[in-house]
Amino acid sequence: METTLALSGLFGATFLAATVVPFQSELVFLALQALAAAPLWVLITVASLGNTLGAFVNYWLGAQADRPAVMARLRLTPERLARARVLWARWGVWSLLMSWAPVIGWVTVIAGTMRTPLWQFTLLVSLAKTGRYVLLGLAAAAVIGAG
């Protein structure tokens, strides 16, 4: 029961952190790793799944960006959207490999506005998000021996 609760909390934290809500999931992940709440591969799997699914919320919001209410809520002005489209034109779907980064994570919203095919979005975002938690977990295991 405790493991289920811990993993549910990790899923929720990573899901929320992937959305436009300002939240960081690394401390939750590292705390559960240090407490050996579950094997590292399970923590990585749950965190990656939550973070990737949370990015779909951003994608959906981006796909709705032509609605004035959504643009206002996201504080996405036409100028900011135009700048984002210029960056997207330069880097394209490959910018989704940086979706793990807190500020750059907004690229998932832009991917929605650009109507990126879902298979590309899913592949690149899941690679980025999983890679992030693999590296974080391995670094923590090397430092504190929690793995």
C-alpha atoms as a PDB file:
ATOM      1  CA  MET A   1       0.000   0.000   0.000  1.00  0.00           C
ATOM      2  CA  GLU A   2       2.802   2.432   0.873  1.00  0.00           C
ATOM      3  CA  THR A   3       4.548   1.674  -2.413  1.00  0.00           C
ATOM      4  CA  THR A   4       1.340   2.262  -4.354  1.00  0.00           C
ATOM      5  CA  LEU A   5       0.827   5.586  -2.604  1.00  0.00           C
ATOM      6  CA  ALA A   6       4.443   6.621  -3.215  1.00  0.00           C
ATOM      7  CA  LEU A   7       4.249   5.726  -6.903  1.00  0.00           C
ATOM      8  CA  SER A   8       0.888   7.464  -7.265  1.00  0.00           C
ATOM      9  CA  GLY A   9       2.417  10.590  -5.746  1.00  0.00           C
ATOM     10  CA  LEU A  10       5.379  10.338  -8.102  1.00  0.00           C
ATOM     11  CA  PHE A  11       3.064   9.952 -11.091  1.00  0.00           C
ATOM     12  CA  GLY A  12       1.032  12.977 -10.006  1.00  0.00           C
ATOM     13  CA  ALA A  13       4.122  15.095  -9.376  1.00  0.00           C
ATOM     14  CA  THR A  14       5.691  14.244 -12.716  1.00  0.00           C
ATOM     15  CA  PHE A  15       2.422  14.713 -14.594  1.00  0.00           C
ATOM     16  CA  LEU A  16       1.890  18.131 -13.036  1.00  0.00           C
ATOM     17  CA  ALA A  17       5.505  19.166 -13.624  1.00  0.00           C
ATOM     18  CA  ALA A  18       5.129  18.467 -17.349  1.00  0.00           C
ATOM     19  CA  THR A  19       2.184  20.833 -17.718  1.00  0.00           C
ATOM     20  CA  VAL A  20       2.274  24.623 -17.768  1.00  0.00           C
ATOM     21  CA  VAL A  21       1.845  24.562 -13.974  1.00  0.00           C
ATOM     22  CA  PRO A  22       5.145  25.634 -12.366  1.00  0.00           C
ATOM     23  CA  PHE A  23       6.167  22.535 -10.418  1.00  0.00           C
ATOM     24  CA  GLN A  24       9.346  20.483 -10.095  1.00  0.00           C
ATOM     25  CA  SER A  25       9.235  16.702  -9.752  1.00  0.00           C
ATOM     26  CA  GLU A  26      12.922  15.977  -9.252  1.00  0.00           C
ATOM     27  CA  LEU A  27      12.799  16.233  -5.465  1.00  0.00           C
ATOM     28  CA  VAL A  28       9.926  13.763  -5.271  1.00  0.00           C
ATOM     29  CA  PHE A  29      11.771  11.358  -7.560  1.00  0.00           C
ATOM     30  CA  LEU A  30      15.039  11.677  -5.624  1.00  0.00           C
ATOM     31  CA  ALA A  31      13.341  11.350  -2.239  1.00  0.00           C
ATOM     32  CA  LEU A  32      11.599   8.138  -3.288  1.00  0.00           C
ATOM     33  CA  GLN A  33      14.852   6.846  -4.718  1.00  0.00           C
ATOM     34  CA  ALA A  34      16.737   7.653  -1.506  1.00  0.00           C
ATOM     35  CA  LEU A  35      14.019   5.937   0.541  1.00  0.00           C
ATOM     36  CA  ALA A  36      14.170   2.916  -1.794  1.00  0.00           C
ATOM     37  CA  ALA A  37      10.396   3.177  -2.167  1.00  0.00           C
ATOM     38  CA  ALA A  38      10.611   1.037  -5.306  1.00  0.00           C
ATOM     39  CA  PRO A  39      13.324  -0.294  -7.606  1.00  0.00           C
ATOM     40  CA  LEU A  40      14.962   2.408  -9.699  1.00  0.00           C
ATOM     41  CA  TRP A  41      13.559   1.034 -12.959  1.00  0.00           C
ATOM     42  CA  VAL A  42      10.032   1.299 -11.539  1.00  0.00           C
ATOM     43  CA  LEU A  43      10.611   4.899 -10.415  1.00  0.00           C
ATOM     44  CA  ILE A  44      11.978   5.769 -13.860  1.00  0.00           C
ATOM     45  CA  THR A  45       9.034   4.093 -15.602  1.00  0.00           C
ATOM     46  CA  VAL A  46       6.389   5.816 -13.468  1.00  0.00           C
ATOM     47  CA  ALA A  47       8.108   9.215 -13.653  1.00  0.00           C
ATOM     48  CA  SER A  48       8.596   8.963 -17.418  1.00  0.00           C
ATOM     49  CA  LEU A  49       5.015   7.910 -18.010  1.00  0.00           C
ATOM     50  CA  GLY A  50       3.602  10.692 -15.834  1.00  0.00           C
ATOM     51  CA  ASN A  51       5.851  13.332 -17.373  1.00  0.00           C
ATOM     52  CA  THR A  52       5.147  12.208 -20.931  1.00  0.00           C
ATOM     53  CA  LEU A  53       1.387  12.093 -20.404  1.00  0.00           C
ATOM     54  CA  GLY A  54       1.506  15.529 -18.782  1.00  0.00           C
ATOM     55  CA  ALA A  55       3.150  16.859 -21.940  1.00  0.00           C
ATOM     56  CA  PHE A  56       0.023  15.816 -23.853  1.00  0.00           C
ATOM     57  CA  VAL A  57      -1.905  18.409 -21.839  1.00  0.00           C
ATOM     58  CA  ASN A  58       0.464  21.052 -23.215  1.00  0.00           C
ATOM     59  CA  TYR A  59       0.086  19.674 -26.720  1.00  0.00           C
ATOM     60  CA  TRP A  60      -3.690  19.882 -26.417  1.00  0.00           C
ATOM     61  CA  LEU A  61      -3.475  23.443 -25.075  1.00  0.00           C
ATOM     62  CA  GLY A  62      -1.247  24.372 -27.994  1.00  0.00           C
ATOM     63  CA  ALA A  63      -3.712  22.849 -30.411  1.00  0.00           C
ATOM     64  CA  GLN A  64      -6.366  25.115 -28.845  1.00  0.00           C
ATOM     65  CA  ALA A  65      -4.180  28.237 -29.098  1.00  0.00           C
ATOM     66  CA  ASP A  66      -6.298  29.713 -31.865  1.00  0.00           C
ATOM     67  CA  ARG A  67      -8.952  30.337 -29.222  1.00  0.00           C
ATOM     68  CA  PRO A  68      -8.542  33.774 -27.599  1.00  0.00           C
ATOM     69  CA  ALA A  69      -9.408  32.464 -24.121  1.00  0.00           C
ATOM     70  CA  VAL A  70      -6.675  29.823 -24.304  1.00  0.00           C
ATOM     71  CA  MET A  71      -4.127  32.316 -25.599  1.00  0.00           C
ATOM     72  CA  ALA A  72      -4.967  34.704 -22.770  1.00  0.00           C
ATOM     73  CA  ARG A  73      -4.760  31.948 -20.152  1.00  0.00           C
ATOM     74  CA  LEU A  74      -1.356  30.840 -21.442  1.00  0.00           C
ATOM     75  CA  ARG A  75      -0.232  34.468 -21.788  1.00  0.00           C
ATOM     76  CA  LEU A  76       0.566  33.598 -25.367  1.00  0.00           C
ATOM     77  CA  THR A  77       0.495  36.850 -27.279  1.00  0.00           C
ATOM     78  CA  PRO A  78       0.518  36.859 -31.075  1.00  0.00           C
ATOM     79  CA  GLU A  79       4.094  38.203 -30.907  1.00  0.00           C
ATOM     80  CA  ARG A  80       5.283  35.370 -28.644  1.00  0.00           C
ATOM     81  CA  LEU A  81       3.528  32.860 -30.851  1.00  0.00           C
ATOM     82  CA  ALA A  82       5.193  34.339 -33.946  1.00  0.00           C
ATOM     83  CA  ARG A  83       8.640  34.092 -32.267  1.00  0.00           C
ATOM     84  CA  ALA A  84       7.927  30.511 -31.281  1.00  0.00           C
ATOM     85  CA  ARG A  85       6.970  29.671 -34.853  1.00  0.00           C
ATOM     86  CA  VAL A  86      10.263  31.119 -36.109  1.00  0.00           C
ATOM     87  CA  LEU A  87      12.175  28.926 -33.650  1.00  0.00           C
ATOM     88  CA  TRP A  88      10.044  25.944 -34.632  1.00  0.00           C
ATOM     89  CA  ALA A  89      10.811  26.608 -38.297  1.00  0.00           C
ATOM     90  CA  ARG A  90      14.513  26.526 -37.439  1.00  0.00           C
ATOM     91  CA  TRP A  91      14.639  23.501 -35.123  1.00  0.00           C
ATOM     92  CA  GLY A  92      11.390  21.707 -35.910  1.00  0.00           C
ATOM     93  CA  VAL A  93      10.309  18.540 -34.159  1.00  0.00           C
ATOM     94  CA  TRP A  94      13.874  17.937 -32.936  1.00  0.00           C
ATOM     95  CA  SER A  95      13.363  20.696 -30.386  1.00  0.00           C
ATOM     96  CA  LEU A  96      11.084  18.227 -28.589  1.00  0.00           C
ATOM     97  CA  LEU A  97      14.240  16.439 -27.426  1.00  0.00           C
ATOM     98  CA  MET A  98      14.674  19.420 -25.081  1.00  0.00           C
ATOM     99  CA  SER A  99      11.167  19.043 -23.654  1.00  0.00           C
ATOM    100  CA  TRP A 100      12.637  17.694 -20.410  1.00  0.00           C
ATOM    101  CA  ALA A 101      14.021  21.123 -19.520  1.00  0.00           C
ATOM    102  CA  PRO A 102      11.778  23.303 -17.316  1.00  0.00           C
ATOM    103  CA  VAL A 103      11.643  26.488 -19.419  1.00  0.00           C
ATOM    104  CA  ILE A 104      12.185  24.835 -22.778  1.00  0.00           C
ATOM    105  CA  GLY A 105       9.383  22.424 -21.923  1.00  0.00           C
ATOM    106  CA  TRP A 106       7.008  24.978 -23.447  1.00  0.00           C
ATOM    107  CA  VAL A 107       8.078  23.493 -26.758  1.00  0.00           C
ATOM    108  CA  THR A 108       5.349  20.903 -26.161  1.00  0.00           C
ATOM    109  CA  VAL A 109       2.753  23.690 -26.313  1.00  0.00           C
ATOM    110  CA  ILE A 110       4.278  24.974 -29.547  1.00  0.00           C
ATOM    111  CA  ALA A 111       4.233  21.437 -30.965  1.00  0.00           C
ATOM    112  CA  GLY A 112       0.475  21.482 -30.456  1.00  0.00           C
ATOM    113  CA  THR A 113       0.090  24.819 -32.203  1.00  0.00           C
ATOM    114  CA  MET A 114       2.133  23.469 -35.100  1.00  0.00           C
ATOM    115  CA  ARG A 115      -0.029  20.326 -35.255  1.00  0.00           C
ATOM    116  CA  THR A 116       2.961  18.003 -34.944  1.00  0.00           C
ATOM    117  CA  PRO A 117       1.956  14.430 -35.755  1.00  0.00           C
ATOM    118  CA  LEU A 118       1.230  12.619 -32.495  1.00  0.00           C
ATOM    119  CA  TRP A 119       3.551   9.727 -33.296  1.00  0.00           C
ATOM    120  CA  GLN A 120       6.511  12.138 -33.638  1.00  0.00           C
ATOM    121  CA  PHE A 121       5.488  14.047 -30.537  1.00  0.00           C
ATOM    122  CA  THR A 122       5.127  10.859 -28.499  1.00  0.00           C
ATOM    123  CA  LEU A 123       8.405   9.350 -29.677  1.00  0.00           C
ATOM    124  CA  LEU A 124      10.573  12.425 -29.124  1.00  0.00           C
ATOM    125  CA  VAL A 125       8.969  13.581 -25.887  1.00  0.00           C
ATOM    126  CA  SER A 126       9.062  10.110 -24.330  1.00  0.00           C
ATOM    127  CA  LEU A 127      12.734   9.739 -25.288  1.00  0.00           C
ATOM    128  CA  ALA A 128      13.564  13.109 -23.740  1.00  0.00           C
ATOM    129  CA  LYS A 129      11.564  12.602 -20.569  1.00  0.00           C
ATOM    130  CA  THR A 130      12.770   9.041 -20.009  1.00  0.00           C
ATOM    131  CA  GLY A 131      16.373  10.051 -20.649  1.00  0.00           C
ATOM    132  CA  ARG A 132      16.044  12.766 -18.048  1.00  0.00           C
ATOM    133  CA  TYR A 133      14.914  10.370 -15.311  1.00  0.00           C
ATOM    134  CA  VAL A 134      17.456   7.720 -16.301  1.00  0.00           C
ATOM    135  CA  LEU A 135      20.286  10.236 -15.968  1.00  0.00           C
ATOM    136  CA  LEU A 136      18.868  11.683 -12.750  1.00  0.00           C
ATOM    137  CA  GLY A 137      18.431   8.230 -11.212  1.00  0.00           C
ATOM    138  CA  LEU A 138      21.886   7.031 -12.233  1.00  0.00           C
ATOM    139  CA  ALA A 139      23.538  10.217 -10.974  1.00  0.00           C
ATOM    140  CA  ALA A 140      21.758   9.903  -7.635  1.00  0.00           C
ATOM    141  CA  ALA A 141      22.676   6.220  -7.401  1.00  0.00           C
ATOM    142  CA  ALA A 142      26.330   7.121  -7.984  1.00  0.00           C
ATOM    143  CA  VAL A 143      26.266   9.866  -5.351  1.00  0.00           C
ATOM    144  CA  ILE A 144      24.112   8.391  -2.608  1.00  0.00           C
ATOM    145  CA  GLY A 145      24.100   4.753  -3.577  1.00  0.00           C
ATOM    146  CA  ALA A 146      20.311   4.650  -3.949  1.00  0.00           C
ATOM    147  CA  GLY A 147      19.482   2.421  -6.853  1.00  0.00           C
END
